Structure formats: structure tokens, C-alpha cells
Amino acid sequence: MSAPRDPTDRHSDEELLARIRRGDHALFGPLVRRYERELYGYLRRYIGDPDLAADVFQNTCVAVFTKIKQYEPGRPARPWLYTIATNQAIDAMRRRARRKEGKNVPLLADDDRSDESGGSLFDLLEHAGPDPGDVVEGAELRQLVRAAVDALPDLLRQVVILTYFQGLKYQDAADILGVPLGTVKSRLHAALAKLTENWTGPRADGEPVEAEQRAWMK
């Protein structure tokens, strides 16, 4: 016998936020459950520390609740929630950096650009899609891609995570980061160029990874 359907399932995210804003606080739990896995996954990729990501997710939930009056009814819910999560992550990473003064924090280099658009990783990011191929080799490739993304300067890594890992539209990413759409596009271009430049992911037998470009970054 199947479990009874949650009556809140018929409501959109925007409707839930609007009703919570009007004082229907009982709907906050269903909203959190809808986004728990997605936002935690985003924060884990962004921060790189599962434990800190869990703490930031909790802080994000508190911030959503306390800032609910700032939500404009009808505004797309997903970018608004991501904006709060991103700000919470930035604050947490700054606090962590202050505690680890001896650790270098990568900064964005304005000249980290390239006109080259070729390269296996660039193609992987642009044309990747799910494939039921070799699981072991696919997992190894995904690990290499994650490591390459993690090594990006923070401002470049942000746009890659939001647009490619989380699947957000460029305009939504711009809204989340509080920058113009053109800035997102230029940062994404710089990120892809740098990933291509730094991509060193040959197979163990010396062959390039191009045959495995269909593996996705998940």
C-alpha cells in the first residue's frame, strides 16, 4: 500500500513561500524537505567539506525563515533560496579562512582567460550527458573533473557549480551572485578556458580521455 500523498505537493515552491510569509509556518517543513538534498549537495560541492556544508544548510534554513518577509510573492523561489545559501556559504568560508590564517585562499585572477575553446574538458562540460558505459572509468573521470573544478579560483568555481552542477540558468546564477548576466557569462568562459588549460586527465594507458567525455559530473 502506497504512502498517503502529501497535500502540500500540489503547491508550487512560490506558493509555499508566499503562504509561509503570510504566517502559515507549518509549511516551512515541507519546503525544507523539497530542497534539503539539492541545497546540501550544492553546498557540499561549493564548500568542499560535508560537515561544514551540513552546518551551512542548517544556517540557510534559519536564514530563510528569518528573512521570509523579504520574499516578494511571485518571485522565483529557487534563485532566492540559492542566494541565501550562497551568502551563508561565503560567510562560513570566510570564518573558516580567518581560523586558518596560514592557508592560502585562491583569488580570482583577472587575466585568467584564454581564447582557446578546444580541449577535452571544455567539450566534457559543454556536451556532457548521462551514459551507462564503464562505471569504474566514469567514476574516475568524474573524480578528476571534480578535482579540477575545486582547484578553480572561487569566483570562477561559483558559476561552474551553479550552472553545470546545479543546472541553473545563467540569469538565475546572476541573480544569486548579485552580478550582471554578462559577468556570469565572462566568468563561465574564463572558468572553462582555465579548466581546459589545466586539464591533465589522460587514461592510464596514455590515451586521451576524449572517449569518455560522455560521463557527467555527478
N, C-alpha and C. Protein backbone atom coordinates (compact mmCIF):
# COMPACT_ATOMS: atom_id res chain seq x y z
N MET A 1 0.85 -1.19 0.00
CA MET A 1 0.00 0.00 0.00
C MET A 1 0.88 1.25 0.00
N SER A 2 0.64 2.14 -0.92
CA SER A 2 1.48 3.33 -1.04
C SER A 2 1.18 4.32 0.07
N ALA A 3 2.21 5.13 0.39
CA ALA A 3 2.06 6.14 1.44
C ALA A 3 1.09 7.23 0.98
N PRO A 4 0.35 7.80 1.91
CA PRO A 4 -0.59 8.86 1.51
C PRO A 4 0.15 10.06 0.92
N ARG A 5 -0.43 10.68 -0.05
CA ARG A 5 0.17 11.82 -0.74
C ARG A 5 0.18 13.04 0.18
N ASP A 6 1.32 13.72 0.18
CA ASP A 6 1.44 14.95 0.96
C ASP A 6 0.57 16.02 0.31
N PRO A 7 -0.38 16.60 1.07
CA PRO A 7 -1.28 17.60 0.47
C PRO A 7 -0.55 18.84 -0.01
N THR A 8 0.68 19.08 0.48
CA THR A 8 1.42 20.26 0.02
C THR A 8 2.07 20.05 -1.34
N ASP A 9 2.05 18.81 -1.85
CA ASP A 9 2.69 18.54 -3.13
C ASP A 9 2.06 19.33 -4.27
N ARG A 10 0.80 19.68 -4.12
CA ARG A 10 0.11 20.38 -5.20
C ARG A 10 0.50 21.86 -5.26
N HIS A 11 1.18 22.33 -4.24
CA HIS A 11 1.58 23.74 -4.20
C HIS A 11 2.97 23.92 -4.80
N SER A 12 3.14 24.98 -5.56
CA SER A 12 4.45 25.30 -6.10
C SER A 12 5.35 25.83 -4.99
N ASP A 13 6.64 25.90 -5.25
CA ASP A 13 7.57 26.46 -4.27
C ASP A 13 7.19 27.91 -3.94
N GLU A 14 6.81 28.64 -4.97
CA GLU A 14 6.44 30.03 -4.78
C GLU A 14 5.20 30.17 -3.90
N GLU A 15 4.25 29.26 -4.07
CA GLU A 15 3.05 29.29 -3.24
C GLU A 15 3.39 28.98 -1.78
N LEU A 16 4.28 28.01 -1.57
CA LEU A 16 4.68 27.70 -0.21
C LEU A 16 5.33 28.90 0.46
N LEU A 17 6.26 29.54 -0.25
CA LEU A 17 6.93 30.71 0.33
C LEU A 17 5.94 31.83 0.63
N ALA A 18 5.00 32.05 -0.27
CA ALA A 18 4.02 33.12 -0.06
C ALA A 18 3.15 32.82 1.16
N ARG A 19 2.76 31.57 1.32
CA ARG A 19 1.91 31.21 2.45
C ARG A 19 2.70 31.25 3.77
N ILE A 20 3.97 30.84 3.72
CA ILE A 20 4.80 30.96 4.92
C ILE A 20 4.96 32.43 5.29
N ARG A 21 5.13 33.26 4.28
CA ARG A 21 5.27 34.70 4.51
C ARG A 21 4.04 35.28 5.19
N ARG A 22 2.86 34.72 4.86
CA ARG A 22 1.61 35.19 5.45
C ARG A 22 1.38 34.62 6.84
N GLY A 23 2.30 33.74 7.31
CA GLY A 23 2.19 33.22 8.66
C GLY A 23 1.88 31.75 8.78
N ASP A 24 1.74 31.04 7.64
CA ASP A 24 1.45 29.61 7.69
C ASP A 24 2.76 28.85 7.87
N HIS A 25 3.30 28.91 9.07
CA HIS A 25 4.63 28.38 9.34
C HIS A 25 4.68 26.85 9.27
N ALA A 26 3.55 26.18 9.30
CA ALA A 26 3.54 24.73 9.20
C ALA A 26 4.06 24.24 7.86
N LEU A 27 4.06 25.13 6.86
CA LEU A 27 4.53 24.74 5.53
C LEU A 27 6.04 24.87 5.37
N PHE A 28 6.72 25.36 6.41
CA PHE A 28 8.16 25.52 6.31
C PHE A 28 8.85 24.16 6.22
N GLY A 29 8.38 23.19 6.99
CA GLY A 29 8.96 21.85 6.95
C GLY A 29 8.89 21.23 5.57
N PRO A 30 7.73 21.22 4.91
CA PRO A 30 7.65 20.68 3.55
C PRO A 30 8.57 21.40 2.56
N LEU A 31 8.71 22.71 2.72
CA LEU A 31 9.61 23.45 1.83
C LEU A 31 11.06 22.99 2.03
N VAL A 32 11.47 22.84 3.29
CA VAL A 32 12.83 22.39 3.57
C VAL A 32 13.06 21.00 3.01
N ARG A 33 12.08 20.12 3.15
CA ARG A 33 12.24 18.76 2.63
C ARG A 33 12.38 18.75 1.12
N ARG A 34 11.73 19.67 0.44
CA ARG A 34 11.84 19.73 -1.01
C ARG A 34 13.27 20.06 -1.46
N TYR A 35 13.92 20.93 -0.70
CA TYR A 35 15.22 21.44 -1.12
C TYR A 35 16.40 20.87 -0.34
N GLU A 36 16.13 20.02 0.63
CA GLU A 36 17.21 19.54 1.50
C GLU A 36 18.33 18.87 0.72
N ARG A 37 18.00 17.89 -0.10
CA ARG A 37 19.04 17.16 -0.82
C ARG A 37 19.73 18.07 -1.85
N GLU A 38 18.95 18.86 -2.56
CA GLU A 38 19.51 19.71 -3.61
C GLU A 38 20.45 20.77 -3.04
N LEU A 39 19.99 21.49 -2.01
CA LEU A 39 20.82 22.56 -1.46
C LEU A 39 22.02 22.01 -0.70
N TYR A 40 21.85 20.90 0.00
CA TYR A 40 23.00 20.32 0.69
C TYR A 40 24.05 19.86 -0.34
N GLY A 41 23.59 19.25 -1.43
CA GLY A 41 24.52 18.83 -2.48
C GLY A 41 25.28 20.01 -3.06
N TYR A 42 24.56 21.10 -3.27
CA TYR A 42 25.21 22.32 -3.78
C TYR A 42 26.24 22.84 -2.79
N LEU A 43 25.87 22.93 -1.53
CA LEU A 43 26.78 23.45 -0.51
C LEU A 43 27.99 22.54 -0.32
N ARG A 44 27.78 21.25 -0.41
CA ARG A 44 28.90 20.32 -0.27
C ARG A 44 29.90 20.50 -1.41
N ARG A 45 29.38 20.67 -2.63
CA ARG A 45 30.28 20.92 -3.76
C ARG A 45 30.98 22.26 -3.62
N TYR A 46 30.24 23.24 -3.19
CA TYR A 46 30.77 24.60 -3.13
C TYR A 46 31.82 24.75 -2.03
N ILE A 47 31.54 24.18 -0.86
CA ILE A 47 32.42 24.34 0.29
C ILE A 47 33.51 23.28 0.32
N GLY A 48 33.18 22.07 -0.11
CA GLY A 48 34.16 21.00 -0.12
C GLY A 48 34.34 20.30 1.21
N ASP A 49 33.46 20.56 2.14
CA ASP A 49 33.53 19.97 3.49
C ASP A 49 32.13 19.54 3.87
N PRO A 50 31.85 18.23 3.89
CA PRO A 50 30.47 17.76 4.18
C PRO A 50 29.93 18.24 5.52
N ASP A 51 30.78 18.24 6.54
CA ASP A 51 30.31 18.66 7.86
C ASP A 51 29.97 20.15 7.88
N LEU A 52 30.85 20.96 7.31
CA LEU A 52 30.57 22.39 7.26
C LEU A 52 29.36 22.67 6.38
N ALA A 53 29.22 21.91 5.30
CA ALA A 53 28.06 22.07 4.42
C ALA A 53 26.76 21.80 5.17
N ALA A 54 26.79 20.78 6.03
CA ALA A 54 25.58 20.48 6.82
C ALA A 54 25.26 21.63 7.76
N ASP A 55 26.28 22.20 8.38
CA ASP A 55 26.05 23.35 9.26
C ASP A 55 25.50 24.54 8.48
N VAL A 56 26.07 24.78 7.31
CA VAL A 56 25.63 25.91 6.49
C VAL A 56 24.20 25.69 6.01
N PHE A 57 23.85 24.44 5.71
CA PHE A 57 22.46 24.17 5.31
C PHE A 57 21.50 24.52 6.44
N GLN A 58 21.87 24.16 7.65
CA GLN A 58 21.02 24.50 8.79
C GLN A 58 20.91 26.01 8.94
N ASN A 59 22.05 26.71 8.79
CA ASN A 59 22.02 28.17 8.87
C ASN A 59 21.16 28.76 7.76
N THR A 60 21.20 28.12 6.60
CA THR A 60 20.39 28.59 5.48
C THR A 60 18.91 28.48 5.80
N CYS A 61 18.53 27.37 6.42
CA CYS A 61 17.12 27.19 6.78
C CYS A 61 16.68 28.27 7.78
N VAL A 62 17.53 28.55 8.74
CA VAL A 62 17.21 29.59 9.72
C VAL A 62 17.09 30.94 9.01
N ALA A 63 18.03 31.21 8.09
CA ALA A 63 18.01 32.49 7.39
C ALA A 63 16.76 32.63 6.52
N VAL A 64 16.35 31.55 5.86
CA VAL A 64 15.13 31.59 5.05
C VAL A 64 13.94 31.94 5.93
N PHE A 65 13.88 31.33 7.09
CA PHE A 65 12.75 31.58 7.99
C PHE A 65 12.76 33.02 8.49
N THR A 66 13.94 33.50 8.86
CA THR A 66 14.01 34.86 9.42
C THR A 66 13.88 35.94 8.35
N LYS A 67 14.18 35.60 7.10
CA LYS A 67 14.12 36.58 6.02
C LYS A 67 12.84 36.43 5.19
N ILE A 68 11.91 35.62 5.64
CA ILE A 68 10.74 35.29 4.81
C ILE A 68 9.95 36.53 4.43
N LYS A 69 9.95 37.56 5.28
CA LYS A 69 9.22 38.78 4.95
C LYS A 69 9.87 39.52 3.78
N GLN A 70 11.12 39.21 3.49
CA GLN A 70 11.81 39.85 2.38
C GLN A 70 11.47 39.19 1.04
N TYR A 71 10.84 38.03 1.10
CA TYR A 71 10.47 37.35 -0.14
C TYR A 71 9.30 38.07 -0.79
N GLU A 72 9.46 38.36 -2.07
CA GLU A 72 8.41 39.04 -2.83
C GLU A 72 7.52 37.98 -3.48
N PRO A 73 6.25 37.89 -3.11
CA PRO A 73 5.36 36.88 -3.68
C PRO A 73 5.41 36.89 -5.21
N GLY A 74 5.54 35.69 -5.78
CA GLY A 74 5.63 35.55 -7.22
C GLY A 74 7.05 35.48 -7.74
N ARG A 75 8.00 35.91 -6.90
CA ARG A 75 9.40 35.83 -7.30
C ARG A 75 9.82 34.36 -7.38
N PRO A 76 10.60 33.96 -8.40
CA PRO A 76 11.04 32.56 -8.49
C PRO A 76 11.73 32.12 -7.21
N ALA A 77 11.30 31.01 -6.67
CA ALA A 77 11.77 30.57 -5.36
C ALA A 77 13.20 30.03 -5.40
N ARG A 78 13.51 29.27 -6.42
CA ARG A 78 14.81 28.58 -6.44
C ARG A 78 15.99 29.55 -6.38
N PRO A 79 16.04 30.58 -7.25
CA PRO A 79 17.16 31.52 -7.15
C PRO A 79 17.23 32.23 -5.80
N TRP A 80 16.06 32.54 -5.24
CA TRP A 80 16.04 33.24 -3.94
C TRP A 80 16.66 32.36 -2.86
N LEU A 81 16.31 31.08 -2.86
CA LEU A 81 16.86 30.16 -1.86
C LEU A 81 18.36 29.96 -2.08
N TYR A 82 18.76 29.85 -3.33
CA TYR A 82 20.19 29.68 -3.63
C TYR A 82 20.98 30.92 -3.22
N THR A 83 20.39 32.09 -3.38
CA THR A 83 21.08 33.32 -2.96
C THR A 83 21.39 33.28 -1.47
N ILE A 84 20.41 32.89 -0.68
CA ILE A 84 20.61 32.81 0.77
C ILE A 84 21.66 31.75 1.10
N ALA A 85 21.57 30.58 0.46
CA ALA A 85 22.53 29.51 0.72
C ALA A 85 23.94 29.94 0.34
N THR A 86 24.07 30.63 -0.80
CA THR A 86 25.39 31.08 -1.24
C THR A 86 25.99 32.08 -0.27
N ASN A 87 25.18 33.03 0.17
CA ASN A 87 25.66 34.03 1.13
C ASN A 87 26.09 33.37 2.45
N GLN A 88 25.31 32.38 2.89
CA GLN A 88 25.68 31.67 4.11
C GLN A 88 26.98 30.90 3.92
N ALA A 89 27.17 30.32 2.74
CA ALA A 89 28.40 29.58 2.46
C ALA A 89 29.61 30.51 2.43
N ILE A 90 29.44 31.67 1.80
CA ILE A 90 30.54 32.64 1.74
C ILE A 90 30.94 33.08 3.13
N ASP A 91 29.96 33.37 3.97
CA ASP A 91 30.24 33.79 5.34
C ASP A 91 30.98 32.68 6.10
N ALA A 92 30.53 31.44 5.93
CA ALA A 92 31.15 30.32 6.64
C ALA A 92 32.58 30.10 6.17
N MET A 93 32.81 30.24 4.88
CA MET A 93 34.16 30.04 4.35
C MET A 93 35.10 31.16 4.80
N ARG A 94 34.56 32.36 4.91
CA ARG A 94 35.39 33.46 5.42
C ARG A 94 35.77 33.23 6.88
N ARG A 95 34.81 32.75 7.67
CA ARG A 95 35.12 32.46 9.06
C ARG A 95 36.16 31.35 9.16
N ARG A 96 36.01 30.34 8.32
CA ARG A 96 36.99 29.24 8.32
C ARG A 96 38.37 29.74 7.91
N ALA A 97 38.41 30.63 6.92
CA ALA A 97 39.69 31.16 6.47
C ALA A 97 40.37 31.97 7.56
N ARG A 98 39.58 32.71 8.33
CA ARG A 98 40.16 33.50 9.42
C ARG A 98 40.75 32.60 10.49
N ARG A 99 40.13 31.42 10.68
CA ARG A 99 40.65 30.49 11.68
C ARG A 99 41.91 29.77 11.19
N LYS A 100 42.06 29.72 9.89
CA LYS A 100 43.23 29.05 9.30
C LYS A 100 44.04 30.08 8.54
N GLU A 101 44.64 30.96 9.27
CA GLU A 101 45.35 32.09 8.66
C GLU A 101 46.52 31.64 7.80
N GLY A 102 47.07 30.50 8.10
CA GLY A 102 48.22 30.06 7.32
C GLY A 102 47.88 29.43 6.00
N LYS A 103 46.60 29.25 5.72
CA LYS A 103 46.19 28.58 4.49
C LYS A 103 45.87 29.60 3.43
N ASN A 104 46.43 29.40 2.25
CA ASN A 104 46.17 30.33 1.15
C ASN A 104 44.77 30.16 0.61
N VAL A 105 44.07 31.28 0.42
CA VAL A 105 42.73 31.26 -0.17
C VAL A 105 42.86 31.76 -1.60
N PRO A 106 42.49 30.95 -2.63
CA PRO A 106 42.68 31.37 -4.01
C PRO A 106 41.82 32.58 -4.35
N LEU A 107 42.39 33.52 -5.10
CA LEU A 107 41.69 34.71 -5.55
C LEU A 107 41.54 34.67 -7.06
N LEU A 108 40.57 35.39 -7.56
CA LEU A 108 40.34 35.45 -9.00
C LEU A 108 41.41 36.30 -9.67
N ALA A 109 42.04 35.74 -10.67
CA ALA A 109 43.00 36.49 -11.47
C ALA A 109 42.29 37.02 -12.70
N ASP A 110 42.32 38.35 -12.88
CA ASP A 110 41.56 38.95 -13.96
C ASP A 110 42.03 38.51 -15.33
N ASP A 111 43.32 38.09 -15.42
CA ASP A 111 43.83 37.72 -16.73
C ASP A 111 43.78 36.23 -16.97
N ASP A 112 43.05 35.50 -16.12
CA ASP A 112 42.92 34.06 -16.32
C ASP A 112 41.89 33.79 -17.41
N ARG A 113 42.24 34.14 -18.64
CA ARG A 113 41.34 33.97 -19.78
C ARG A 113 42.11 33.35 -20.93
N SER A 114 41.38 32.74 -21.81
CA SER A 114 42.00 32.15 -22.98
C SER A 114 41.01 32.16 -24.11
N ASP A 115 41.50 32.36 -25.32
CA ASP A 115 40.63 32.32 -26.49
C ASP A 115 40.46 30.91 -27.00
N GLU A 116 41.20 29.98 -26.40
CA GLU A 116 41.10 28.59 -26.84
C GLU A 116 39.81 27.99 -26.32
N SER A 117 39.07 27.35 -27.18
CA SER A 117 37.83 26.71 -26.76
C SER A 117 37.90 25.20 -26.94
N GLY A 118 39.03 24.70 -27.44
CA GLY A 118 39.15 23.27 -27.62
C GLY A 118 39.58 22.61 -26.34
N GLY A 119 39.73 21.28 -26.39
CA GLY A 119 40.21 20.58 -25.21
C GLY A 119 39.15 19.66 -24.66
N SER A 120 39.59 18.55 -24.13
CA SER A 120 38.65 17.51 -23.74
C SER A 120 37.73 17.95 -22.61
N LEU A 121 38.23 18.70 -21.64
CA LEU A 121 37.37 19.08 -20.51
C LEU A 121 36.33 20.09 -20.93
N PHE A 122 36.70 21.04 -21.80
CA PHE A 122 35.73 22.00 -22.30
C PHE A 122 34.58 21.27 -22.98
N ASP A 123 34.91 20.31 -23.83
CA ASP A 123 33.87 19.53 -24.51
C ASP A 123 33.06 18.73 -23.51
N LEU A 124 33.74 18.21 -22.49
CA LEU A 124 33.02 17.44 -21.47
C LEU A 124 31.98 18.28 -20.78
N LEU A 125 32.35 19.50 -20.40
CA LEU A 125 31.42 20.38 -19.71
C LEU A 125 30.29 20.84 -20.60
N GLU A 126 30.60 21.12 -21.88
CA GLU A 126 29.58 21.65 -22.78
C GLU A 126 28.61 20.58 -23.28
N HIS A 127 29.10 19.37 -23.46
CA HIS A 127 28.28 18.36 -24.14
C HIS A 127 28.03 17.12 -23.30
N ALA A 128 28.33 17.20 -22.00
CA ALA A 128 28.20 16.01 -21.17
C ALA A 128 26.75 15.57 -21.06
N GLY A 129 26.58 14.27 -20.87
CA GLY A 129 25.25 13.71 -20.70
C GLY A 129 25.38 12.34 -20.08
N PRO A 130 24.34 11.81 -19.49
CA PRO A 130 24.42 10.52 -18.82
C PRO A 130 24.70 9.41 -19.81
N ASP A 131 25.45 8.43 -19.37
CA ASP A 131 25.79 7.31 -20.23
C ASP A 131 25.98 6.07 -19.37
N PRO A 132 25.43 4.93 -19.76
CA PRO A 132 25.55 3.72 -18.95
C PRO A 132 26.82 2.95 -19.26
N GLY A 133 27.89 3.61 -19.62
CA GLY A 133 29.13 2.96 -20.00
C GLY A 133 29.89 2.41 -18.81
N ASP A 134 31.18 2.37 -18.96
CA ASP A 134 32.04 1.79 -17.95
C ASP A 134 31.94 2.57 -16.65
N VAL A 135 31.41 1.95 -15.60
CA VAL A 135 31.16 2.64 -14.34
C VAL A 135 32.46 3.05 -13.66
N VAL A 136 33.44 2.17 -13.66
CA VAL A 136 34.69 2.46 -12.96
C VAL A 136 35.41 3.63 -13.61
N GLU A 137 35.58 3.55 -14.93
CA GLU A 137 36.28 4.64 -15.62
C GLU A 137 35.48 5.93 -15.54
N GLY A 138 34.15 5.82 -15.59
CA GLY A 138 33.33 7.02 -15.46
C GLY A 138 33.50 7.67 -14.11
N ALA A 139 33.57 6.86 -13.05
CA ALA A 139 33.75 7.40 -11.70
C ALA A 139 35.11 8.07 -11.59
N GLU A 140 36.13 7.47 -12.19
CA GLU A 140 37.46 8.08 -12.15
C GLU A 140 37.46 9.42 -12.86
N LEU A 141 36.78 9.50 -13.99
CA LEU A 141 36.73 10.75 -14.74
C LEU A 141 35.99 11.82 -13.95
N ARG A 142 34.87 11.43 -13.34
CA ARG A 142 34.12 12.41 -12.54
C ARG A 142 34.96 12.94 -11.39
N GLN A 143 35.77 12.05 -10.80
CA GLN A 143 36.64 12.48 -9.71
C GLN A 143 37.67 13.49 -10.21
N LEU A 144 38.21 13.24 -11.41
CA LEU A 144 39.17 14.18 -11.97
C LEU A 144 38.53 15.53 -12.26
N VAL A 145 37.30 15.49 -12.78
CA VAL A 145 36.59 16.73 -13.09
C VAL A 145 36.32 17.51 -11.82
N ARG A 146 35.86 16.81 -10.79
CA ARG A 146 35.58 17.50 -9.52
C ARG A 146 36.84 18.15 -8.97
N ALA A 147 37.96 17.42 -9.05
CA ALA A 147 39.21 17.99 -8.54
C ALA A 147 39.60 19.23 -9.34
N ALA A 148 39.39 19.19 -10.66
CA ALA A 148 39.73 20.34 -11.49
C ALA A 148 38.85 21.53 -11.16
N VAL A 149 37.57 21.29 -10.93
CA VAL A 149 36.65 22.38 -10.58
C VAL A 149 37.00 22.93 -9.20
N ASP A 150 37.31 22.05 -8.26
CA ASP A 150 37.66 22.50 -6.91
C ASP A 150 38.89 23.39 -6.90
N ALA A 151 39.78 23.20 -7.88
CA ALA A 151 41.02 23.97 -7.93
C ALA A 151 40.85 25.35 -8.55
N LEU A 152 39.66 25.63 -9.10
CA LEU A 152 39.43 26.93 -9.72
C LEU A 152 39.41 28.04 -8.67
N PRO A 153 39.77 29.27 -9.07
CA PRO A 153 39.54 30.41 -8.17
C PRO A 153 38.06 30.49 -7.80
N ASP A 154 37.79 31.01 -6.62
CA ASP A 154 36.44 30.93 -6.06
C ASP A 154 35.37 31.52 -6.97
N LEU A 155 35.60 32.71 -7.53
CA LEU A 155 34.57 33.35 -8.34
C LEU A 155 34.29 32.58 -9.62
N LEU A 156 35.27 31.87 -10.13
CA LEU A 156 35.04 31.04 -11.31
C LEU A 156 34.34 29.75 -10.93
N ARG A 157 34.73 29.19 -9.80
CA ARG A 157 34.12 27.94 -9.34
C ARG A 157 32.64 28.13 -9.07
N GLN A 158 32.27 29.31 -8.56
CA GLN A 158 30.86 29.58 -8.27
C GLN A 158 29.98 29.35 -9.49
N VAL A 159 30.36 29.95 -10.62
CA VAL A 159 29.48 29.88 -11.79
C VAL A 159 29.44 28.49 -12.37
N VAL A 160 30.54 27.74 -12.29
CA VAL A 160 30.54 26.36 -12.79
C VAL A 160 29.60 25.49 -11.96
N ILE A 161 29.68 25.64 -10.64
CA ILE A 161 28.82 24.83 -9.77
C ILE A 161 27.35 25.17 -10.00
N LEU A 162 27.04 26.46 -10.08
CA LEU A 162 25.64 26.86 -10.22
C LEU A 162 25.06 26.45 -11.56
N THR A 163 25.82 26.65 -12.65
CA THR A 163 25.25 26.41 -13.97
C THR A 163 25.38 24.97 -14.44
N TYR A 164 26.50 24.31 -14.14
CA TYR A 164 26.69 22.95 -14.63
C TYR A 164 26.28 21.89 -13.62
N PHE A 165 26.70 22.03 -12.37
CA PHE A 165 26.34 21.02 -11.38
C PHE A 165 24.88 21.16 -10.95
N GLN A 166 24.43 22.40 -10.73
CA GLN A 166 23.07 22.61 -10.24
C GLN A 166 22.08 22.85 -11.36
N GLY A 167 22.55 23.10 -12.56
CA GLY A 167 21.67 23.25 -13.71
C GLY A 167 20.86 24.52 -13.74
N LEU A 168 21.35 25.58 -13.09
CA LEU A 168 20.62 26.84 -13.07
C LEU A 168 20.85 27.62 -14.36
N LYS A 169 19.87 28.41 -14.74
CA LYS A 169 20.02 29.28 -15.89
C LYS A 169 21.02 30.39 -15.56
N TYR A 170 21.64 30.93 -16.60
CA TYR A 170 22.64 31.97 -16.38
C TYR A 170 22.05 33.17 -15.63
N GLN A 171 20.82 33.55 -16.00
CA GLN A 171 20.21 34.70 -15.33
C GLN A 171 19.96 34.40 -13.86
N ASP A 172 19.54 33.16 -13.56
CA ASP A 172 19.34 32.79 -12.16
C ASP A 172 20.66 32.84 -11.40
N ALA A 173 21.74 32.36 -12.03
CA ALA A 173 23.05 32.42 -11.39
C ALA A 173 23.46 33.87 -11.14
N ALA A 174 23.15 34.74 -12.10
CA ALA A 174 23.47 36.16 -11.94
C ALA A 174 22.70 36.75 -10.76
N ASP A 175 21.43 36.40 -10.65
CA ASP A 175 20.62 36.89 -9.53
C ASP A 175 21.16 36.39 -8.19
N ILE A 176 21.56 35.13 -8.15
CA ILE A 176 22.07 34.53 -6.92
C ILE A 176 23.36 35.22 -6.47
N LEU A 177 24.25 35.48 -7.43
CA LEU A 177 25.54 36.06 -7.11
C LEU A 177 25.50 37.58 -7.03
N GLY A 178 24.39 38.18 -7.46
CA GLY A 178 24.27 39.63 -7.41
C GLY A 178 25.17 40.34 -8.40
N VAL A 179 25.33 39.74 -9.59
CA VAL A 179 26.17 40.34 -10.62
C VAL A 179 25.38 40.38 -11.93
N PRO A 180 25.82 41.20 -12.90
CA PRO A 180 25.13 41.24 -14.19
C PRO A 180 25.25 39.90 -14.93
N LEU A 181 24.32 39.67 -15.84
CA LEU A 181 24.33 38.45 -16.65
C LEU A 181 25.64 38.33 -17.42
N GLY A 182 26.13 39.45 -17.96
CA GLY A 182 27.37 39.41 -18.71
C GLY A 182 28.56 38.97 -17.87
N THR A 183 28.54 39.30 -16.59
CA THR A 183 29.62 38.89 -15.70
C THR A 183 29.62 37.37 -15.51
N VAL A 184 28.43 36.80 -15.38
CA VAL A 184 28.33 35.35 -15.27
C VAL A 184 28.89 34.68 -16.52
N LYS A 185 28.53 35.20 -17.68
CA LYS A 185 28.99 34.60 -18.93
C LYS A 185 30.51 34.73 -19.07
N SER A 186 31.06 35.89 -18.70
CA SER A 186 32.51 36.06 -18.83
C SER A 186 33.26 35.19 -17.83
N ARG A 187 32.71 35.06 -16.61
CA ARG A 187 33.35 34.19 -15.62
C ARG A 187 33.28 32.73 -16.06
N LEU A 188 32.14 32.35 -16.64
CA LEU A 188 32.00 30.98 -17.10
C LEU A 188 32.97 30.70 -18.24
N HIS A 189 33.11 31.64 -19.15
CA HIS A 189 34.07 31.48 -20.25
C HIS A 189 35.48 31.35 -19.70
N ALA A 190 35.83 32.19 -18.72
CA ALA A 190 37.16 32.13 -18.13
C ALA A 190 37.37 30.80 -17.40
N ALA A 191 36.32 30.32 -16.71
CA ALA A 191 36.42 29.05 -15.99
C ALA A 191 36.65 27.90 -16.94
N LEU A 192 35.87 27.86 -18.01
CA LEU A 192 36.01 26.77 -18.97
C LEU A 192 37.38 26.81 -19.65
N ALA A 193 37.85 28.03 -19.95
CA ALA A 193 39.16 28.16 -20.57
C ALA A 193 40.25 27.67 -19.62
N LYS A 194 40.13 28.03 -18.34
CA LYS A 194 41.15 27.62 -17.37
C LYS A 194 41.08 26.12 -17.11
N LEU A 195 39.89 25.56 -17.07
CA LEU A 195 39.76 24.12 -16.91
C LEU A 195 40.41 23.39 -18.08
N THR A 196 40.19 23.90 -19.28
CA THR A 196 40.80 23.30 -20.47
C THR A 196 42.32 23.41 -20.40
N GLU A 197 42.80 24.57 -20.00
CA GLU A 197 44.24 24.83 -19.92
C GLU A 197 44.91 23.89 -18.92
N ASN A 198 44.23 23.65 -17.80
CA ASN A 198 44.82 22.86 -16.73
C ASN A 198 44.45 21.39 -16.78
N TRP A 199 43.65 21.01 -17.76
CA TRP A 199 43.15 19.63 -17.79
C TRP A 199 44.26 18.65 -18.11
N THR A 200 44.54 17.76 -17.17
CA THR A 200 45.56 16.74 -17.36
C THR A 200 44.98 15.42 -16.92
N GLY A 201 44.03 14.92 -17.71
CA GLY A 201 43.35 13.70 -17.30
C GLY A 201 43.49 12.57 -18.28
N PRO A 202 44.73 12.16 -18.66
CA PRO A 202 44.88 11.04 -19.59
C PRO A 202 44.54 9.72 -18.92
N ARG A 203 44.23 8.75 -19.72
CA ARG A 203 43.99 7.41 -19.21
C ARG A 203 45.30 6.79 -18.78
N ALA A 204 45.22 5.72 -18.02
CA ALA A 204 46.42 5.04 -17.55
C ALA A 204 47.25 4.49 -18.70
N ASP A 205 46.59 4.16 -19.83
CA ASP A 205 47.31 3.59 -20.96
C ASP A 205 47.87 4.67 -21.88
N GLY A 206 47.75 5.95 -21.47
CA GLY A 206 48.32 7.03 -22.26
C GLY A 206 47.37 7.62 -23.27
N GLU A 207 46.18 7.03 -23.44
CA GLU A 207 45.21 7.55 -24.38
C GLU A 207 44.48 8.73 -23.77
N PRO A 208 44.03 9.71 -24.58
CA PRO A 208 43.29 10.85 -24.03
C PRO A 208 41.93 10.41 -23.52
N VAL A 209 41.30 11.27 -22.73
CA VAL A 209 40.02 10.94 -22.12
C VAL A 209 38.85 11.24 -23.04
N GLU A 210 39.09 11.63 -24.29
CA GLU A 210 38.01 12.07 -25.15
C GLU A 210 36.96 10.99 -25.35
N ALA A 211 37.38 9.72 -25.30
CA ALA A 211 36.41 8.64 -25.47
C ALA A 211 35.45 8.55 -24.31
N GLU A 212 35.77 9.23 -23.20
CA GLU A 212 34.92 9.14 -22.02
C GLU A 212 34.25 10.47 -21.71
N GLN A 213 34.18 11.35 -22.68
CA GLN A 213 33.62 12.66 -22.44
C GLN A 213 32.14 12.63 -22.14
N ARG A 214 31.51 11.50 -22.37
CA ARG A 214 30.07 11.43 -22.14
C ARG A 214 29.73 11.27 -20.66
N ALA A 215 30.74 10.96 -19.84
CA ALA A 215 30.48 10.83 -18.40
C ALA A 215 30.11 12.19 -17.83
N TRP A 216 29.16 12.22 -16.93
CA TRP A 216 28.68 13.52 -16.39
C TRP A 216 29.30 13.76 -15.04
N MET A 217 29.29 15.03 -14.65
CA MET A 217 29.93 15.46 -13.42
C MET A 217 28.98 15.33 -12.23
N LYS A 218 28.67 14.13 -11.87
CA LYS A 218 27.77 13.94 -10.72
C LYS A 218 28.37 12.89 -9.80
